[in-house]
Amino acid sequence: MAEQRSDAELLAAHVAGDRYAFEQLFYRHHRHLHRLARLTSGSAEDAEDALQEAMVSAHRGAGSFRHDAAVSSWLHRIVVNACLDRLRRNKIHPTVALDDVYPVSDRTAQVETAIAVQRALMHLPVEQRAAVVAVDMHGYSVADTARMLGVAEGTVKSRCARARARLAAILGHLHSDTRRPAG
């Protein structure tokens, strides 16, 4: 019975030619993956497109799954990467709320900062990027993020710490720019 098969068994069945196994795997994780795409993308349309791109990629790349992580973690990474790829291509979606840093009237500075943050995020390894986006930008708890990524809570904490350190080094100029006295 399909309901009793694990994610790994469904993925293996898909690779072996079971026409319905990937569909079952997708429906098992659809709600979570859609929510992740929506939170990461910032818009419903981009989330739908990114999720579709991710599932096509997962469907085609299932044979290369190495079984060194949970299938749900593998799917999560594919969705996050698809969303980040769309954000990088579009370069118009702010990654963080910037109203605290710049007045609403200064949209140019907001866009420039959003692009700088997006570019900085792209310099992070995907594991660090996924962790820091989930925890710091989307407000997931460390425990929830650990479950989503299929890793230990300590792993999430260390990935976030490393990501924050790299982002601070890359984006240090933004912090000093926001502290300039009004001229």
N, C-alpha and C. Protein backbone atom coordinates (compact mmCIF):
# COMPACT_ATOMS: atom_id res chain seq x y z
N MET A 1 0.84 -1.19 0.00
CA MET A 1 0.00 0.00 0.00
C MET A 1 0.88 1.25 0.00
N ALA A 2 0.57 2.21 -0.82
CA ALA A 2 1.38 3.40 -0.99
C ALA A 2 1.48 4.20 0.30
N GLU A 3 0.41 4.25 1.09
CA GLU A 3 0.40 5.03 2.33
C GLU A 3 1.42 4.50 3.33
N GLN A 4 1.79 3.25 3.22
CA GLN A 4 2.71 2.65 4.18
C GLN A 4 4.17 2.78 3.73
N ARG A 5 4.40 3.18 2.50
CA ARG A 5 5.77 3.30 2.02
C ARG A 5 6.40 4.59 2.55
N SER A 6 7.67 4.49 2.89
CA SER A 6 8.40 5.67 3.36
C SER A 6 8.69 6.57 2.17
N ASP A 7 9.15 7.78 2.47
CA ASP A 7 9.54 8.70 1.40
C ASP A 7 10.64 8.09 0.54
N ALA A 8 11.61 7.48 1.17
CA ALA A 8 12.72 6.87 0.43
C ALA A 8 12.22 5.74 -0.46
N GLU A 9 11.27 4.97 0.04
CA GLU A 9 10.70 3.88 -0.77
C GLU A 9 9.92 4.42 -1.97
N LEU A 10 9.18 5.50 -1.75
CA LEU A 10 8.44 6.12 -2.85
C LEU A 10 9.41 6.68 -3.90
N LEU A 11 10.47 7.32 -3.46
CA LEU A 11 11.44 7.86 -4.40
C LEU A 11 12.12 6.74 -5.18
N ALA A 12 12.47 5.68 -4.50
CA ALA A 12 13.09 4.53 -5.17
C ALA A 12 12.11 3.90 -6.16
N ALA A 13 10.85 3.82 -5.79
CA ALA A 13 9.83 3.26 -6.70
C ALA A 13 9.69 4.15 -7.93
N HIS A 14 9.73 5.45 -7.74
CA HIS A 14 9.66 6.39 -8.87
C HIS A 14 10.83 6.14 -9.82
N VAL A 15 12.04 6.05 -9.26
CA VAL A 15 13.23 5.83 -10.07
C VAL A 15 13.13 4.49 -10.82
N ALA A 16 12.49 3.51 -10.17
CA ALA A 16 12.34 2.18 -10.78
C ALA A 16 11.21 2.14 -11.82
N GLY A 17 10.46 3.24 -11.96
CA GLY A 17 9.45 3.28 -13.01
C GLY A 17 8.01 3.32 -12.54
N ASP A 18 7.76 3.36 -11.24
CA ASP A 18 6.38 3.46 -10.74
C ASP A 18 5.83 4.84 -11.11
N ARG A 19 4.83 4.87 -11.96
CA ARG A 19 4.29 6.13 -12.50
C ARG A 19 3.61 6.99 -11.44
N TYR A 20 3.20 6.40 -10.34
CA TYR A 20 2.43 7.15 -9.34
C TYR A 20 3.21 7.47 -8.07
N ALA A 21 4.39 6.91 -7.92
CA ALA A 21 5.14 7.07 -6.68
C ALA A 21 5.54 8.52 -6.42
N PHE A 22 6.02 9.22 -7.45
CA PHE A 22 6.44 10.60 -7.23
C PHE A 22 5.23 11.48 -6.90
N GLU A 23 4.13 11.22 -7.55
CA GLU A 23 2.90 11.97 -7.27
C GLU A 23 2.50 11.79 -5.80
N GLN A 24 2.59 10.58 -5.30
CA GLN A 24 2.26 10.33 -3.90
C GLN A 24 3.22 11.04 -2.96
N LEU A 25 4.49 11.02 -3.33
CA LEU A 25 5.50 11.72 -2.54
C LEU A 25 5.23 13.22 -2.54
N PHE A 26 4.91 13.76 -3.69
CA PHE A 26 4.62 15.19 -3.80
C PHE A 26 3.41 15.56 -2.94
N TYR A 27 2.32 14.79 -3.05
CA TYR A 27 1.13 15.12 -2.27
C TYR A 27 1.36 14.98 -0.77
N ARG A 28 2.22 14.08 -0.38
CA ARG A 28 2.56 13.93 1.03
C ARG A 28 3.21 15.20 1.58
N HIS A 29 4.00 15.88 0.76
CA HIS A 29 4.78 17.04 1.21
C HIS A 29 4.29 18.37 0.63
N HIS A 30 3.25 18.33 -0.19
CA HIS A 30 2.81 19.52 -0.92
C HIS A 30 2.55 20.72 -0.02
N ARG A 31 1.79 20.52 1.04
CA ARG A 31 1.42 21.65 1.91
C ARG A 31 2.65 22.34 2.49
N HIS A 32 3.55 21.55 3.01
CA HIS A 32 4.77 22.09 3.61
C HIS A 32 5.63 22.79 2.55
N LEU A 33 5.81 22.15 1.39
CA LEU A 33 6.65 22.72 0.35
C LEU A 33 6.04 24.01 -0.22
N HIS A 34 4.72 24.03 -0.35
CA HIS A 34 4.06 25.24 -0.84
C HIS A 34 4.24 26.38 0.15
N ARG A 35 4.08 26.10 1.42
CA ARG A 35 4.26 27.13 2.45
C ARG A 35 5.70 27.64 2.43
N LEU A 36 6.64 26.74 2.32
CA LEU A 36 8.05 27.12 2.25
C LEU A 36 8.30 28.01 1.04
N ALA A 37 7.77 27.63 -0.10
CA ALA A 37 7.95 28.43 -1.33
C ALA A 37 7.32 29.80 -1.18
N ARG A 38 6.15 29.84 -0.57
CA ARG A 38 5.44 31.12 -0.40
C ARG A 38 6.23 32.04 0.54
N LEU A 39 6.76 31.50 1.62
CA LEU A 39 7.53 32.31 2.56
C LEU A 39 8.85 32.78 1.96
N THR A 40 9.47 31.93 1.18
CA THR A 40 10.77 32.26 0.62
C THR A 40 10.65 33.21 -0.57
N SER A 41 9.60 33.04 -1.36
CA SER A 41 9.45 33.83 -2.59
C SER A 41 8.90 35.22 -2.34
N GLY A 42 7.99 35.35 -1.41
CA GLY A 42 7.41 36.65 -1.15
C GLY A 42 6.17 36.94 -1.95
N SER A 43 5.87 36.17 -2.97
CA SER A 43 4.64 36.37 -3.74
C SER A 43 4.05 35.02 -4.11
N ALA A 44 2.76 34.98 -4.20
CA ALA A 44 2.07 33.72 -4.51
C ALA A 44 2.45 33.21 -5.90
N GLU A 45 2.56 34.12 -6.85
CA GLU A 45 2.88 33.72 -8.23
C GLU A 45 4.28 33.12 -8.32
N ASP A 46 5.26 33.79 -7.71
CA ASP A 46 6.62 33.27 -7.73
C ASP A 46 6.71 31.95 -6.97
N ALA A 47 5.95 31.83 -5.90
CA ALA A 47 5.96 30.58 -5.12
C ALA A 47 5.45 29.43 -5.96
N GLU A 48 4.34 29.65 -6.67
CA GLU A 48 3.78 28.60 -7.53
C GLU A 48 4.77 28.20 -8.61
N ASP A 49 5.37 29.19 -9.25
CA ASP A 49 6.34 28.91 -10.32
C ASP A 49 7.57 28.19 -9.77
N ALA A 50 8.08 28.66 -8.66
CA ALA A 50 9.27 28.04 -8.07
C ALA A 50 8.98 26.61 -7.62
N LEU A 51 7.79 26.39 -7.03
CA LEU A 51 7.44 25.04 -6.60
C LEU A 51 7.34 24.10 -7.80
N GLN A 52 6.74 24.59 -8.87
CA GLN A 52 6.62 23.77 -10.08
C GLN A 52 8.01 23.46 -10.65
N GLU A 53 8.87 24.47 -10.73
CA GLU A 53 10.24 24.24 -11.21
C GLU A 53 10.98 23.25 -10.33
N ALA A 54 10.80 23.39 -9.03
CA ALA A 54 11.48 22.50 -8.08
C ALA A 54 11.01 21.06 -8.24
N MET A 55 9.72 20.87 -8.41
CA MET A 55 9.21 19.51 -8.52
C MET A 55 9.62 18.86 -9.84
N VAL A 56 9.69 19.65 -10.90
CA VAL A 56 10.20 19.11 -12.17
C VAL A 56 11.65 18.70 -12.00
N SER A 57 12.42 19.55 -11.32
CA SER A 57 13.83 19.24 -11.06
C SER A 57 13.97 17.99 -10.21
N ALA A 58 13.17 17.88 -9.16
CA ALA A 58 13.22 16.70 -8.29
C ALA A 58 12.80 15.44 -9.05
N HIS A 59 11.78 15.56 -9.86
CA HIS A 59 11.29 14.43 -10.66
C HIS A 59 12.39 13.92 -11.58
N ARG A 60 13.03 14.86 -12.26
CA ARG A 60 14.09 14.48 -13.21
C ARG A 60 15.35 14.02 -12.51
N GLY A 61 15.65 14.61 -11.36
CA GLY A 61 16.90 14.31 -10.67
C GLY A 61 16.80 13.24 -9.60
N ALA A 62 15.67 12.57 -9.51
CA ALA A 62 15.46 11.58 -8.45
C ALA A 62 16.52 10.49 -8.45
N GLY A 63 16.99 10.12 -9.61
CA GLY A 63 18.00 9.07 -9.69
C GLY A 63 19.32 9.46 -9.08
N SER A 64 19.56 10.75 -8.90
CA SER A 64 20.83 11.19 -8.33
C SER A 64 20.74 11.40 -6.81
N PHE A 65 19.57 11.14 -6.23
CA PHE A 65 19.43 11.27 -4.77
C PHE A 65 20.38 10.29 -4.10
N ARG A 66 21.20 10.80 -3.16
CA ARG A 66 22.28 9.99 -2.58
C ARG A 66 21.88 9.25 -1.30
N HIS A 67 20.72 9.47 -0.79
CA HIS A 67 20.25 8.81 0.44
C HIS A 67 21.11 9.15 1.66
N ASP A 68 21.82 10.30 1.61
CA ASP A 68 22.60 10.72 2.77
C ASP A 68 21.83 11.72 3.62
N ALA A 69 20.59 11.98 3.23
CA ALA A 69 19.70 12.88 3.97
C ALA A 69 18.28 12.37 3.78
N ALA A 70 17.37 12.92 4.55
CA ALA A 70 15.96 12.55 4.40
C ALA A 70 15.46 13.08 3.06
N VAL A 71 14.53 12.37 2.45
CA VAL A 71 13.93 12.81 1.19
C VAL A 71 13.27 14.16 1.39
N SER A 72 12.61 14.36 2.53
CA SER A 72 11.95 15.65 2.79
C SER A 72 12.97 16.78 2.83
N SER A 73 14.14 16.54 3.37
CA SER A 73 15.20 17.54 3.40
C SER A 73 15.70 17.84 1.99
N TRP A 74 15.85 16.81 1.19
CA TRP A 74 16.26 16.95 -0.21
C TRP A 74 15.24 17.79 -0.97
N LEU A 75 13.95 17.50 -0.80
CA LEU A 75 12.90 18.28 -1.46
C LEU A 75 12.92 19.73 -0.98
N HIS A 76 13.11 19.92 0.31
CA HIS A 76 13.18 21.26 0.89
C HIS A 76 14.29 22.07 0.22
N ARG A 77 15.48 21.47 0.12
CA ARG A 77 16.61 22.17 -0.50
C ARG A 77 16.31 22.53 -1.95
N ILE A 78 15.67 21.63 -2.67
CA ILE A 78 15.35 21.91 -4.08
C ILE A 78 14.38 23.08 -4.17
N VAL A 79 13.38 23.11 -3.30
CA VAL A 79 12.40 24.21 -3.31
C VAL A 79 13.08 25.53 -2.93
N VAL A 80 13.88 25.52 -1.88
CA VAL A 80 14.58 26.75 -1.47
C VAL A 80 15.48 27.25 -2.60
N ASN A 81 16.21 26.35 -3.23
CA ASN A 81 17.08 26.76 -4.33
C ASN A 81 16.27 27.34 -5.49
N ALA A 82 15.15 26.72 -5.82
CA ALA A 82 14.31 27.25 -6.91
C ALA A 82 13.79 28.64 -6.56
N CYS A 83 13.39 28.84 -5.33
CA CYS A 83 12.91 30.16 -4.90
C CYS A 83 14.03 31.19 -4.95
N LEU A 84 15.19 30.84 -4.43
CA LEU A 84 16.31 31.77 -4.44
C LEU A 84 16.77 32.08 -5.86
N ASP A 85 16.72 31.08 -6.74
CA ASP A 85 17.05 31.32 -8.15
C ASP A 85 16.09 32.33 -8.77
N ARG A 86 14.80 32.19 -8.47
CA ARG A 86 13.81 33.13 -9.00
C ARG A 86 14.05 34.52 -8.44
N LEU A 87 14.33 34.61 -7.16
CA LEU A 87 14.60 35.91 -6.55
C LEU A 87 15.82 36.56 -7.18
N ARG A 88 16.85 35.77 -7.41
CA ARG A 88 18.07 36.31 -8.02
C ARG A 88 17.79 36.78 -9.44
N ARG A 89 17.00 36.01 -10.19
CA ARG A 89 16.66 36.41 -11.56
C ARG A 89 15.83 37.68 -11.57
N ASN A 90 14.87 37.77 -10.67
CA ASN A 90 13.96 38.92 -10.65
C ASN A 90 14.62 40.16 -10.06
N LYS A 91 15.40 39.99 -9.01
CA LYS A 91 16.11 41.07 -8.32
C LYS A 91 15.22 42.25 -7.95
N ILE A 92 13.94 42.00 -7.76
CA ILE A 92 13.06 43.11 -7.38
C ILE A 92 12.33 42.83 -6.07
N HIS A 93 12.44 41.64 -5.56
CA HIS A 93 11.74 41.29 -4.34
C HIS A 93 12.62 41.55 -3.14
N PRO A 94 12.21 42.45 -2.25
CA PRO A 94 13.03 42.67 -1.06
C PRO A 94 13.10 41.41 -0.20
N THR A 95 14.28 41.17 0.35
CA THR A 95 14.50 39.98 1.15
C THR A 95 14.09 40.19 2.60
N VAL A 96 14.23 41.41 3.07
CA VAL A 96 13.88 41.73 4.45
C VAL A 96 13.11 43.05 4.45
N ALA A 97 12.37 43.28 5.51
CA ALA A 97 11.67 44.55 5.66
C ALA A 97 12.70 45.62 6.00
N LEU A 98 12.69 46.69 5.24
CA LEU A 98 13.72 47.71 5.41
C LEU A 98 13.16 49.02 5.93
N ASP A 99 11.89 49.05 6.30
CA ASP A 99 11.28 50.29 6.75
C ASP A 99 11.94 50.83 8.01
N ASP A 100 12.54 49.96 8.83
CA ASP A 100 13.22 50.44 10.04
C ASP A 100 14.52 51.13 9.71
N VAL A 101 15.13 50.79 8.57
CA VAL A 101 16.43 51.34 8.20
C VAL A 101 16.27 52.61 7.37
N TYR A 102 15.34 52.58 6.42
CA TYR A 102 15.13 53.70 5.52
C TYR A 102 13.68 54.16 5.58
N PRO A 103 13.43 55.45 5.44
CA PRO A 103 12.04 55.92 5.38
C PRO A 103 11.36 55.33 4.14
N VAL A 104 10.05 55.17 4.23
CA VAL A 104 9.29 54.59 3.12
C VAL A 104 9.52 55.38 1.84
N SER A 105 9.80 56.66 1.94
CA SER A 105 9.99 57.48 0.74
C SER A 105 11.30 57.18 0.02
N ASP A 106 12.22 56.50 0.67
CA ASP A 106 13.52 56.23 0.07
C ASP A 106 13.55 54.83 -0.55
N ARG A 107 12.73 54.62 -1.57
CA ARG A 107 12.61 53.30 -2.21
C ARG A 107 13.90 52.90 -2.93
N THR A 108 14.62 53.83 -3.47
CA THR A 108 15.86 53.49 -4.17
C THR A 108 16.83 52.81 -3.21
N ALA A 109 16.98 53.37 -2.02
CA ALA A 109 17.87 52.77 -1.03
C ALA A 109 17.37 51.40 -0.62
N GLN A 110 16.05 51.24 -0.49
CA GLN A 110 15.49 49.93 -0.14
C GLN A 110 15.83 48.90 -1.20
N VAL A 111 15.64 49.26 -2.46
CA VAL A 111 15.91 48.32 -3.54
C VAL A 111 17.40 47.99 -3.59
N GLU A 112 18.24 48.99 -3.45
CA GLU A 112 19.68 48.75 -3.47
C GLU A 112 20.10 47.83 -2.32
N THR A 113 19.55 48.05 -1.15
CA THR A 113 19.87 47.21 0.00
C THR A 113 19.35 45.79 -0.21
N ALA A 114 18.13 45.68 -0.72
CA ALA A 114 17.56 44.35 -0.97
C ALA A 114 18.42 43.57 -1.96
N ILE A 115 18.88 44.24 -3.00
CA ILE A 115 19.74 43.57 -3.98
C ILE A 115 21.06 43.16 -3.33
N ALA A 116 21.63 44.03 -2.51
CA ALA A 116 22.89 43.71 -1.83
C ALA A 116 22.71 42.50 -0.90
N VAL A 117 21.60 42.47 -0.17
CA VAL A 117 21.34 41.35 0.73
C VAL A 117 21.14 40.07 -0.08
N GLN A 118 20.39 40.15 -1.17
CA GLN A 118 20.16 38.97 -2.01
C GLN A 118 21.48 38.45 -2.57
N ARG A 119 22.32 39.35 -3.05
CA ARG A 119 23.62 38.93 -3.57
C ARG A 119 24.47 38.30 -2.48
N ALA A 120 24.43 38.87 -1.30
CA ALA A 120 25.19 38.32 -0.18
C ALA A 120 24.69 36.92 0.18
N LEU A 121 23.38 36.75 0.18
CA LEU A 121 22.81 35.43 0.47
C LEU A 121 23.31 34.39 -0.54
N MET A 122 23.47 34.80 -1.78
CA MET A 122 23.90 33.86 -2.81
C MET A 122 25.35 33.41 -2.61
N HIS A 123 26.11 34.13 -1.79
CA HIS A 123 27.49 33.72 -1.49
C HIS A 123 27.55 32.66 -0.40
N LEU A 124 26.44 32.41 0.26
CA LEU A 124 26.41 31.41 1.32
C LEU A 124 26.19 30.02 0.74
N PRO A 125 26.77 29.00 1.37
CA PRO A 125 26.42 27.64 0.98
C PRO A 125 24.92 27.43 1.20
N VAL A 126 24.30 26.62 0.38
CA VAL A 126 22.84 26.48 0.42
C VAL A 126 22.33 26.08 1.79
N GLU A 127 23.08 25.24 2.51
CA GLU A 127 22.64 24.81 3.83
C GLU A 127 22.58 25.99 4.80
N GLN A 128 23.59 26.85 4.75
CA GLN A 128 23.61 28.03 5.60
C GLN A 128 22.52 29.01 5.18
N ARG A 129 22.37 29.20 3.88
CA ARG A 129 21.36 30.12 3.35
C ARG A 129 19.96 29.68 3.77
N ALA A 130 19.67 28.39 3.63
CA ALA A 130 18.34 27.88 4.01
C ALA A 130 18.08 28.09 5.49
N ALA A 131 19.07 27.84 6.32
CA ALA A 131 18.89 27.98 7.76
C ALA A 131 18.68 29.44 8.16
N VAL A 132 19.51 30.34 7.66
CA VAL A 132 19.41 31.74 8.07
C VAL A 132 18.16 32.40 7.50
N VAL A 133 17.74 32.02 6.31
CA VAL A 133 16.50 32.57 5.75
C VAL A 133 15.31 32.11 6.59
N ALA A 134 15.30 30.83 6.94
CA ALA A 134 14.17 30.30 7.73
C ALA A 134 14.11 30.94 9.11
N VAL A 135 15.24 31.03 9.79
CA VAL A 135 15.26 31.51 11.17
C VAL A 135 15.19 33.04 11.25
N ASP A 136 16.07 33.72 10.54
CA ASP A 136 16.20 35.16 10.70
C ASP A 136 15.25 35.97 9.83
N MET A 137 14.88 35.45 8.70
CA MET A 137 14.05 36.24 7.80
C MET A 137 12.58 35.84 7.81
N HIS A 138 12.33 34.57 8.10
CA HIS A 138 10.95 34.11 8.11
C HIS A 138 10.43 33.76 9.50
N GLY A 139 11.29 33.87 10.49
CA GLY A 139 10.87 33.73 11.87
C GLY A 139 10.58 32.32 12.36
N TYR A 140 11.04 31.31 11.64
CA TYR A 140 10.88 29.95 12.13
C TYR A 140 11.76 29.76 13.36
N SER A 141 11.33 28.93 14.27
CA SER A 141 12.17 28.59 15.42
C SER A 141 13.29 27.67 14.95
N VAL A 142 14.33 27.54 15.76
CA VAL A 142 15.42 26.64 15.45
C VAL A 142 14.88 25.21 15.35
N ALA A 143 13.99 24.84 16.26
CA ALA A 143 13.42 23.49 16.24
C ALA A 143 12.62 23.23 14.96
N ASP A 144 11.79 24.19 14.56
CA ASP A 144 11.02 24.02 13.34
C ASP A 144 11.93 23.94 12.12
N THR A 145 12.95 24.77 12.10
CA THR A 145 13.89 24.76 10.98
C THR A 145 14.63 23.44 10.92
N ALA A 146 15.02 22.93 12.07
CA ALA A 146 15.70 21.63 12.11
C ALA A 146 14.81 20.53 11.52
N ARG A 147 13.53 20.56 11.88
CA ARG A 147 12.60 19.56 11.31
C ARG A 147 12.46 19.73 9.81
N MET A 148 12.35 20.98 9.35
CA MET A 148 12.21 21.23 7.91
C MET A 148 13.41 20.75 7.13
N LEU A 149 14.60 21.00 7.68
CA LEU A 149 15.82 20.64 6.97
C LEU A 149 16.26 19.20 7.22
N GLY A 150 15.63 18.57 8.21
CA GLY A 150 15.99 17.19 8.52
C GLY A 150 17.35 17.07 9.17
N VAL A 151 17.71 18.07 10.00
CA VAL A 151 19.00 18.06 10.70
C VAL A 151 18.76 18.34 12.18
N ALA A 152 19.81 18.20 12.96
CA ALA A 152 19.73 18.47 14.40
C ALA A 152 19.64 19.97 14.66
N GLU A 153 19.07 20.35 15.80
CA GLU A 153 18.95 21.76 16.16
C GLU A 153 20.32 22.42 16.25
N GLY A 154 21.30 21.71 16.78
CA GLY A 154 22.65 22.26 16.87
C GLY A 154 23.23 22.57 15.50
N THR A 155 22.89 21.76 14.52
CA THR A 155 23.35 22.00 13.15
C THR A 155 22.75 23.30 12.62
N VAL A 156 21.46 23.52 12.89
CA VAL A 156 20.81 24.76 12.47
C VAL A 156 21.49 25.96 13.13
N LYS A 157 21.74 25.85 14.44
CA LYS A 157 22.39 26.95 15.17
C LYS A 157 23.76 27.26 14.57
N SER A 158 24.54 26.22 14.28
CA SER A 158 25.88 26.46 13.75
C SER A 158 25.82 27.01 12.33
N ARG A 159 24.88 26.53 11.52
CA ARG A 159 24.74 27.06 10.16
C ARG A 159 24.33 28.53 10.20
N CYS A 160 23.41 28.87 11.11
CA CYS A 160 22.99 30.28 11.24
C CYS A 160 24.15 31.15 11.70
N ALA A 161 24.92 30.67 12.66
CA ALA A 161 26.05 31.45 13.17
C ALA A 161 27.07 31.70 12.06
N ARG A 162 27.39 30.67 11.30
CA ARG A 162 28.34 30.82 10.20
C ARG A 162 27.78 31.77 9.14
N ALA A 163 26.49 31.62 8.82
CA ALA A 163 25.86 32.48 7.81
C ALA A 163 25.87 33.93 8.26
N ARG A 164 25.51 34.15 9.52
CA ARG A 164 25.49 35.53 10.04
C ARG A 164 26.87 36.16 9.99
N ALA A 165 27.89 35.38 10.33
CA ALA A 165 29.25 35.91 10.30
C ALA A 165 29.65 36.28 8.87
N ARG A 166 29.34 35.43 7.93
CA ARG A 166 29.67 35.73 6.53
C ARG A 166 28.88 36.92 6.03
N LEU A 167 27.59 36.98 6.37
CA LEU A 167 26.76 38.11 5.93
C LEU A 167 27.25 39.41 6.54
N ALA A 168 27.66 39.36 7.80
CA ALA A 168 28.17 40.58 8.45
C ALA A 168 29.42 41.08 7.74
N ALA A 169 30.28 40.16 7.35
CA ALA A 169 31.50 40.56 6.65
C ALA A 169 31.17 41.13 5.27
N ILE A 170 30.25 40.49 4.57
CA ILE A 170 29.89 40.93 3.23
C ILE A 170 29.11 42.24 3.25
N LEU A 171 28.21 42.38 4.22
CA LEU A 171 27.30 43.53 4.25
C LEU A 171 27.70 44.59 5.28
N GLY A 172 28.89 44.52 5.80
CA GLY A 172 29.33 45.48 6.81
C GLY A 172 29.18 46.92 6.39
N HIS A 173 29.36 47.20 5.11
CA HIS A 173 29.23 48.58 4.62
C HIS A 173 27.81 49.12 4.78
N LEU A 174 26.80 48.26 4.75
CA LEU A 174 25.42 48.72 4.91
C LEU A 174 25.19 49.25 6.31
N HIS A 175 25.77 48.58 7.29
CA HIS A 175 25.59 49.00 8.68
C HIS A 175 26.21 50.38 8.88
N SER A 176 27.38 50.59 8.35
CA SER A 176 28.02 51.90 8.53
C SER A 176 27.29 52.98 7.74
N ASP A 177 26.69 52.62 6.60
CA ASP A 177 25.93 53.59 5.81
C ASP A 177 24.68 54.06 6.54
N THR A 178 24.06 53.19 7.33
CA THR A 178 22.83 53.56 8.03
C THR A 178 23.10 54.41 9.25
N ARG A 179 24.34 54.49 9.68
CA ARG A 179 24.70 55.26 10.87
C ARG A 179 25.21 56.66 10.52
N ARG A 180 25.22 56.98 9.23
CA ARG A 180 25.72 58.30 8.82
C ARG A 180 24.84 59.40 9.40
N PRO A 181 25.46 60.48 9.87
CA PRO A 181 24.65 61.61 10.34
C PRO A 181 23.97 62.29 9.16
N ALA A 182 22.78 62.82 9.41
CA ALA A 182 22.05 63.51 8.35
C ALA A 182 22.80 64.78 7.99
N GLY A 183 22.93 65.01 6.69
CA GLY A 183 23.74 66.12 6.28
C GLY A 183 22.94 67.23 5.82
